Amino acid sequence: MTKTKKVGVAGRFGSRYGKKIRQLVIDVEKRKKAKKICPYCKKTGSVKRLSKGIWRCVKCEKKFTGKAYSIN
């Protein structure tokens, strides 16, 4: 698994797919893996993604919906 300063986690694709597509992958993965705030208990970093659009707070154990890669 290769990472470089310019492409970050998209370095695993090498030179395939073009720069624009790899940049979109970087942006989506940053949003998906960022720490999120639970809308119920306001705890930071306790929200985990179960599947596309379904989120769960580890602390208050509430399950709720949002966007595919972010809660907002």
N, C-alpha and C. Protein backbone atom coordinates (compact mmCIF):
# COMPACT_ATOMS: atom_id res chain seq x y z
N MET A 1 0.84 -1.17 0.00
CA MET A 1 0.00 0.00 0.00
C MET A 1 0.89 1.23 0.00
N THR A 2 0.77 2.03 -1.03
CA THR A 2 1.65 3.17 -1.19
C THR A 2 0.90 4.46 -0.86
N LYS A 3 1.53 5.35 -0.12
CA LYS A 3 0.98 6.67 0.14
C LYS A 3 2.07 7.69 -0.17
N THR A 4 1.68 8.80 -0.71
CA THR A 4 2.61 9.89 -0.92
C THR A 4 1.98 11.16 -0.38
N LYS A 5 2.78 12.20 -0.32
CA LYS A 5 2.30 13.46 0.25
C LYS A 5 1.18 14.07 -0.60
N LYS A 6 1.29 13.99 -1.91
CA LYS A 6 0.30 14.62 -2.79
C LYS A 6 -1.03 13.88 -2.82
N VAL A 7 -0.99 12.59 -2.97
CA VAL A 7 -2.24 11.85 -3.18
C VAL A 7 -2.79 11.18 -1.94
N GLY A 8 -2.02 11.05 -0.89
CA GLY A 8 -2.51 10.48 0.36
C GLY A 8 -3.00 9.06 0.20
N VAL A 9 -4.22 8.79 0.68
CA VAL A 9 -4.75 7.43 0.65
C VAL A 9 -5.09 6.97 -0.75
N ALA A 10 -5.25 7.88 -1.70
CA ALA A 10 -5.54 7.50 -3.08
C ALA A 10 -4.30 6.98 -3.79
N GLY A 11 -3.17 6.95 -3.11
CA GLY A 11 -1.95 6.40 -3.68
C GLY A 11 -2.07 4.92 -3.97
N ARG A 12 -3.05 4.27 -3.38
CA ARG A 12 -3.23 2.84 -3.63
C ARG A 12 -3.70 2.57 -5.06
N PHE A 13 -4.20 3.61 -5.76
CA PHE A 13 -4.63 3.46 -7.14
C PHE A 13 -3.50 3.66 -8.14
N GLY A 14 -2.35 4.11 -7.66
CA GLY A 14 -1.22 4.33 -8.57
C GLY A 14 -1.53 5.44 -9.55
N SER A 15 -1.18 5.26 -10.80
CA SER A 15 -1.43 6.29 -11.80
C SER A 15 -2.72 6.04 -12.57
N ARG A 16 -3.51 5.07 -12.14
CA ARG A 16 -4.76 4.76 -12.83
C ARG A 16 -5.85 5.78 -12.51
N TYR A 17 -6.87 5.86 -13.33
CA TYR A 17 -8.11 6.61 -13.14
C TYR A 17 -7.98 8.12 -13.28
N GLY A 18 -6.80 8.71 -13.24
CA GLY A 18 -6.66 10.15 -13.40
C GLY A 18 -6.68 10.89 -12.07
N LYS A 19 -6.17 12.11 -12.12
CA LYS A 19 -6.00 12.90 -10.90
C LYS A 19 -7.34 13.33 -10.30
N LYS A 20 -8.28 13.72 -11.15
CA LYS A 20 -9.56 14.24 -10.67
C LYS A 20 -10.33 13.18 -9.87
N ILE A 21 -10.40 11.97 -10.40
CA ILE A 21 -11.12 10.90 -9.71
C ILE A 21 -10.45 10.57 -8.38
N ARG A 22 -9.11 10.50 -8.38
CA ARG A 22 -8.41 10.20 -7.13
C ARG A 22 -8.62 11.30 -6.11
N GLN A 23 -8.71 12.58 -6.55
CA GLN A 23 -8.95 13.69 -5.63
C GLN A 23 -10.35 13.57 -5.02
N LEU A 24 -11.33 13.16 -5.82
CA LEU A 24 -12.68 12.97 -5.30
C LEU A 24 -12.71 11.86 -4.25
N VAL A 25 -11.94 10.80 -4.47
CA VAL A 25 -11.86 9.70 -3.50
C VAL A 25 -11.27 10.21 -2.19
N ILE A 26 -10.24 11.04 -2.27
CA ILE A 26 -9.61 11.61 -1.08
C ILE A 26 -10.62 12.43 -0.29
N ASP A 27 -11.38 13.28 -0.98
CA ASP A 27 -12.36 14.14 -0.30
C ASP A 27 -13.46 13.32 0.38
N VAL A 28 -13.97 12.31 -0.30
CA VAL A 28 -15.03 11.48 0.26
C VAL A 28 -14.53 10.72 1.49
N GLU A 29 -13.33 10.16 1.40
CA GLU A 29 -12.81 9.38 2.53
C GLU A 29 -12.48 10.26 3.72
N LYS A 30 -12.04 11.49 3.50
CA LYS A 30 -11.80 12.41 4.61
C LYS A 30 -13.09 12.71 5.34
N ARG A 31 -14.17 12.99 4.59
CA ARG A 31 -15.46 13.28 5.20
C ARG A 31 -16.00 12.06 5.94
N LYS A 32 -15.82 10.89 5.35
CA LYS A 32 -16.36 9.66 5.95
C LYS A 32 -15.67 9.31 7.25
N LYS A 33 -14.34 9.52 7.31
CA LYS A 33 -13.58 9.11 8.48
C LYS A 33 -13.40 10.21 9.52
N ALA A 34 -13.92 11.41 9.26
CA ALA A 34 -13.78 12.51 10.22
C ALA A 34 -14.61 12.23 11.47
N LYS A 35 -14.22 12.81 12.59
CA LYS A 35 -14.97 12.64 13.83
C LYS A 35 -16.27 13.43 13.74
N LYS A 36 -17.34 12.80 14.14
CA LYS A 36 -18.66 13.41 14.03
C LYS A 36 -19.28 13.60 15.40
N ILE A 37 -20.23 14.53 15.50
CA ILE A 37 -20.90 14.85 16.76
C ILE A 37 -22.28 14.23 16.75
N CYS A 38 -22.63 13.53 17.81
CA CYS A 38 -23.96 12.94 17.94
C CYS A 38 -24.99 14.05 18.11
N PRO A 39 -26.07 14.04 17.31
CA PRO A 39 -27.08 15.08 17.44
C PRO A 39 -27.93 14.97 18.70
N TYR A 40 -27.85 13.83 19.39
CA TYR A 40 -28.65 13.63 20.60
C TYR A 40 -27.88 13.97 21.88
N CYS A 41 -26.68 13.39 22.05
CA CYS A 41 -25.94 13.59 23.29
C CYS A 41 -24.78 14.57 23.13
N LYS A 42 -24.52 15.04 21.91
CA LYS A 42 -23.47 16.02 21.59
C LYS A 42 -22.05 15.52 21.87
N LYS A 43 -21.87 14.22 21.97
CA LYS A 43 -20.55 13.64 22.19
C LYS A 43 -19.78 13.61 20.87
N THR A 44 -18.52 14.05 20.89
CA THR A 44 -17.69 14.07 19.70
C THR A 44 -16.95 12.75 19.55
N GLY A 45 -16.95 12.21 18.34
CA GLY A 45 -16.19 11.02 18.04
C GLY A 45 -16.85 9.71 18.41
N SER A 46 -18.10 9.74 18.85
CA SER A 46 -18.74 8.49 19.26
C SER A 46 -19.68 7.94 18.19
N VAL A 47 -19.80 8.64 17.08
CA VAL A 47 -20.72 8.22 16.03
C VAL A 47 -19.99 7.33 15.03
N LYS A 48 -20.56 6.18 14.74
CA LYS A 48 -20.00 5.23 13.78
C LYS A 48 -21.00 4.99 12.66
N ARG A 49 -20.49 4.73 11.48
CA ARG A 49 -21.32 4.46 10.31
C ARG A 49 -21.60 2.97 10.22
N LEU A 50 -22.88 2.61 10.24
CA LEU A 50 -23.26 1.21 10.13
C LEU A 50 -23.34 0.78 8.67
N SER A 51 -24.02 1.57 7.87
CA SER A 51 -24.10 1.32 6.44
C SER A 51 -24.41 2.65 5.78
N LYS A 52 -24.65 2.63 4.48
CA LYS A 52 -24.86 3.88 3.75
C LYS A 52 -26.06 4.64 4.31
N GLY A 53 -25.80 5.79 4.94
CA GLY A 53 -26.87 6.64 5.46
C GLY A 53 -27.37 6.27 6.84
N ILE A 54 -26.85 5.23 7.46
CA ILE A 54 -27.31 4.81 8.80
C ILE A 54 -26.14 4.95 9.77
N TRP A 55 -26.37 5.72 10.84
CA TRP A 55 -25.34 6.04 11.82
C TRP A 55 -25.80 5.62 13.21
N ARG A 56 -24.83 5.34 14.10
CA ARG A 56 -25.14 4.92 15.47
C ARG A 56 -24.17 5.58 16.43
N CYS A 57 -24.70 6.11 17.53
CA CYS A 57 -23.87 6.69 18.58
C CYS A 57 -23.50 5.58 19.55
N VAL A 58 -22.22 5.46 19.85
CA VAL A 58 -21.74 4.41 20.75
C VAL A 58 -22.14 4.72 22.19
N LYS A 59 -22.15 6.00 22.54
CA LYS A 59 -22.42 6.39 23.92
C LYS A 59 -23.90 6.26 24.29
N CYS A 60 -24.78 6.93 23.53
CA CYS A 60 -26.20 6.91 23.88
C CYS A 60 -26.97 5.82 23.13
N GLU A 61 -26.31 5.10 22.24
CA GLU A 61 -26.86 3.98 21.49
C GLU A 61 -28.09 4.34 20.66
N LYS A 62 -28.18 5.59 20.21
CA LYS A 62 -29.25 6.00 19.31
C LYS A 62 -28.83 5.66 17.89
N LYS A 63 -29.77 5.22 17.10
CA LYS A 63 -29.52 4.95 15.69
C LYS A 63 -30.31 5.98 14.90
N PHE A 64 -29.66 6.61 13.91
CA PHE A 64 -30.33 7.66 13.16
C PHE A 64 -29.81 7.67 11.73
N THR A 65 -30.47 8.45 10.87
CA THR A 65 -30.08 8.51 9.48
C THR A 65 -29.43 9.85 9.16
N GLY A 66 -28.68 9.85 8.09
CA GLY A 66 -28.02 11.05 7.61
C GLY A 66 -27.62 10.82 6.17
N LYS A 67 -26.64 11.57 5.72
CA LYS A 67 -26.16 11.38 4.35
C LYS A 67 -25.25 10.15 4.32
N ALA A 68 -24.81 9.79 3.13
CA ALA A 68 -24.02 8.58 2.97
C ALA A 68 -22.67 8.66 3.69
N TYR A 69 -21.99 9.81 3.58
CA TYR A 69 -20.64 9.91 4.15
C TYR A 69 -20.54 10.92 5.29
N SER A 70 -21.63 11.62 5.60
CA SER A 70 -21.63 12.56 6.72
C SER A 70 -23.02 12.59 7.34
N ILE A 71 -23.12 13.18 8.50
CA ILE A 71 -24.39 13.21 9.21
C ILE A 71 -25.29 14.34 8.72
N ASN A 72 -24.71 15.49 8.42
CA ASN A 72 -25.49 16.68 8.08
C ASN A 72 -26.39 16.43 6.92
